[in-house]
Amino acid sequence: MHTVPHSPTAGVYPATRDYVHALEVRDAGRLVFVSGTMGLDPDGVPGATLDEQLVLIWSNLRAILAAADMTVDNIVRLTSYLRDASYATANAKARVEALGGRLVPTTAIVAETLESTWLVEIEVIAAG
C-alpha cells in the first residue's frame, strides 16, 4: 500500500501541522472499518480521566487492528467524537503521538455520547 497526502494551498484554507486535507490510498488490498471505540478497560469500565480514556482508546484500537493483522500505521481516516470541545487539544495530542506524527484526514465532532462517562469515542478506517 502506498499513501499520498494532498493538502492544496490554493482554493482552500491551509492545513495545520497535525492535519492533512486528504490522503490518497494506492494499492490497498484490504479495508477495515472500526466502530467508534471508547476508553474502556477490558472489563468495560471507563478510564477516570480524559487522559486515561485516550490511553485506553488507543490501546483498544491497537488490539482491534491487530486482530485484522494491521497496526495504527494502517489508519487512513479518523473521526473523534468529543463530549466537550475543551477535549480537542488533548485528543489531538494523543492522536499525533499514537500515529507517530503521521498525518491522516481527521474530523472532530462535539457530540453527546451514549454514556456520560464516555468522554471520547474514536472511529477509524484502516487500509493495507
Protein backbone atom coordinates (compact mmCIF):
# COMPACT_ATOMS: atom_id res chain seq x y z
CA MET A 1 0.00 0.00 0.00
CA HIS A 2 1.18 3.48 -0.81
CA THR A 3 -0.33 6.71 0.51
CA VAL A 4 -0.11 10.20 -0.93
CA PRO A 5 -1.16 13.18 1.19
CA HIS A 6 -2.98 16.03 -0.52
CA SER A 7 -3.17 19.47 1.11
CA PRO A 8 -3.52 22.02 -1.66
CA THR A 9 -2.58 25.60 -0.85
CA ALA A 10 -4.76 27.28 -3.48
CA GLY A 11 -8.53 27.50 -3.29
CA VAL A 12 -8.88 26.03 0.20
CA TYR A 13 -7.93 27.01 3.73
CA PRO A 14 -4.46 25.81 4.81
CA ALA A 15 -3.97 22.54 6.60
CA THR A 16 -2.40 22.66 10.06
CA ARG A 17 0.77 20.85 11.14
CA ASP A 18 -1.23 17.90 12.54
CA TYR A 19 -3.79 17.68 9.72
CA VAL A 20 -3.97 16.77 6.04
CA HIS A 21 -6.94 17.57 3.82
CA ALA A 22 -6.92 14.22 2.01
CA LEU A 23 -4.95 11.00 1.83
CA GLU A 24 -4.89 9.02 -1.39
CA VAL A 25 -4.50 5.27 -0.82
CA ARG A 26 -2.94 3.31 -3.66
CA ASP A 27 -2.61 -0.45 -3.99
CA ALA A 28 -4.57 -1.31 -0.86
CA GLY A 29 -5.82 -4.86 -0.83
CA ARG A 30 -7.99 -4.58 2.28
CA LEU A 31 -10.04 -2.01 4.18
CA VAL A 32 -11.02 -2.29 7.83
CA PHE A 33 -13.77 -0.06 9.22
CA VAL A 34 -13.50 0.20 13.01
CA SER A 35 -16.56 1.14 15.04
CA GLY A 36 -16.44 4.01 17.47
CA THR A 37 -14.05 2.88 20.20
CA MET A 38 -14.28 4.15 23.76
CA GLY A 39 -11.78 4.48 26.59
CA LEU A 40 -12.96 1.37 28.40
CA ASP A 41 -10.77 -1.21 30.09
CA PRO A 42 -11.19 -4.96 29.36
CA ASP A 43 -13.98 -5.10 31.97
CA GLY A 44 -15.88 -2.30 30.23
CA VAL A 45 -15.02 0.30 32.88
CA PRO A 46 -14.20 3.79 31.53
CA GLY A 47 -10.96 5.49 32.48
CA ALA A 48 -11.45 8.01 35.30
CA THR A 49 -9.94 10.94 33.38
CA LEU A 50 -9.78 12.16 29.80
CA ASP A 51 -6.10 11.21 29.54
CA GLU A 52 -6.79 7.71 30.89
CA GLN A 53 -9.58 7.25 28.37
CA LEU A 54 -7.37 8.39 25.49
CA VAL A 55 -4.70 5.88 26.51
CA LEU A 56 -7.35 3.14 26.66
CA ILE A 57 -8.85 4.14 23.30
CA TRP A 58 -5.52 3.83 21.54
CA SER A 59 -4.76 0.56 23.31
CA ASN A 60 -8.16 -0.75 22.22
CA LEU A 61 -7.63 0.42 18.65
CA ARG A 62 -4.25 -1.33 18.54
CA ALA A 63 -5.88 -4.58 19.73
CA ILE A 64 -8.74 -4.31 17.22
CA LEU A 65 -6.37 -3.58 14.34
CA ALA A 66 -4.04 -6.41 15.41
CA ALA A 67 -6.99 -8.82 15.07
CA ALA A 68 -7.02 -7.81 11.38
CA ASP A 69 -3.21 -8.08 11.10
CA MET A 70 -2.89 -4.30 10.98
CA THR A 71 -1.40 -1.56 13.15
CA VAL A 72 -2.04 2.15 13.65
CA ASP A 73 0.27 2.63 10.65
CA ASN A 74 -2.62 1.34 8.52
CA ILE A 75 -5.04 4.06 9.68
CA VAL A 76 -6.03 6.28 6.75
CA ARG A 77 -9.03 8.13 8.24
CA LEU A 78 -10.04 9.06 11.79
CA THR A 79 -13.11 10.63 13.36
CA SER A 80 -13.21 11.71 17.01
CA TYR A 81 -16.42 12.32 18.91
CA LEU A 82 -15.72 14.57 21.88
CA ARG A 83 -18.20 15.06 24.70
CA ASP A 84 -16.82 18.58 25.19
CA ALA A 85 -14.94 20.94 22.86
CA SER A 86 -12.34 21.51 25.58
CA TYR A 87 -11.10 17.94 24.93
CA ALA A 88 -9.84 18.82 21.43
CA THR A 89 -6.24 19.64 22.36
CA ALA A 90 -5.69 16.50 24.45
CA ASN A 91 -7.36 14.39 21.77
CA ALA A 92 -5.16 15.86 19.02
CA LYS A 93 -2.02 15.35 21.13
CA ALA A 94 -2.92 11.70 21.77
CA ARG A 95 -3.65 11.14 18.07
CA VAL A 96 -0.37 12.69 16.91
CA GLU A 97 1.55 10.62 19.46
CA ALA A 98 -0.29 7.38 18.62
CA LEU A 99 0.27 7.86 14.89
CA GLY A 100 3.91 8.86 15.36
CA GLY A 101 3.27 12.20 13.70
CA ARG A 102 1.89 10.57 10.53
CA LEU A 103 -0.86 12.75 9.08
CA VAL A 104 -4.26 11.34 8.16
CA PRO A 105 -7.55 13.08 7.40
CA THR A 106 -9.32 13.70 10.68
CA THR A 107 -12.58 15.14 11.90
CA ALA A 108 -13.50 16.03 15.46
CA ILE A 109 -17.15 16.41 16.37
CA VAL A 110 -18.62 17.54 19.67
CA ALA A 111 -21.45 15.16 20.48
CA GLU A 112 -23.32 13.71 23.39
CA THR A 113 -22.08 10.16 23.88
CA LEU A 114 -24.46 7.34 24.84
CA GLU A 115 -22.98 7.23 28.34
CA SER A 116 -21.98 10.40 30.18
CA THR A 117 -18.79 8.72 31.40
CA TRP A 118 -17.58 8.16 27.82
CA LEU A 119 -15.59 11.33 27.16
CA VAL A 120 -14.21 10.50 23.71
CA GLU A 121 -15.06 7.96 21.04
CA ILE A 122 -12.85 7.37 18.02
CA GLU A 123 -13.59 5.51 14.79
CA VAL A 124 -11.03 4.74 12.13
CA ILE A 125 -10.64 3.33 8.67
CA ALA A 126 -7.52 1.29 8.03
CA ALA A 127 -6.12 0.08 4.71
CA GLY A 128 -3.49 -2.46 3.92
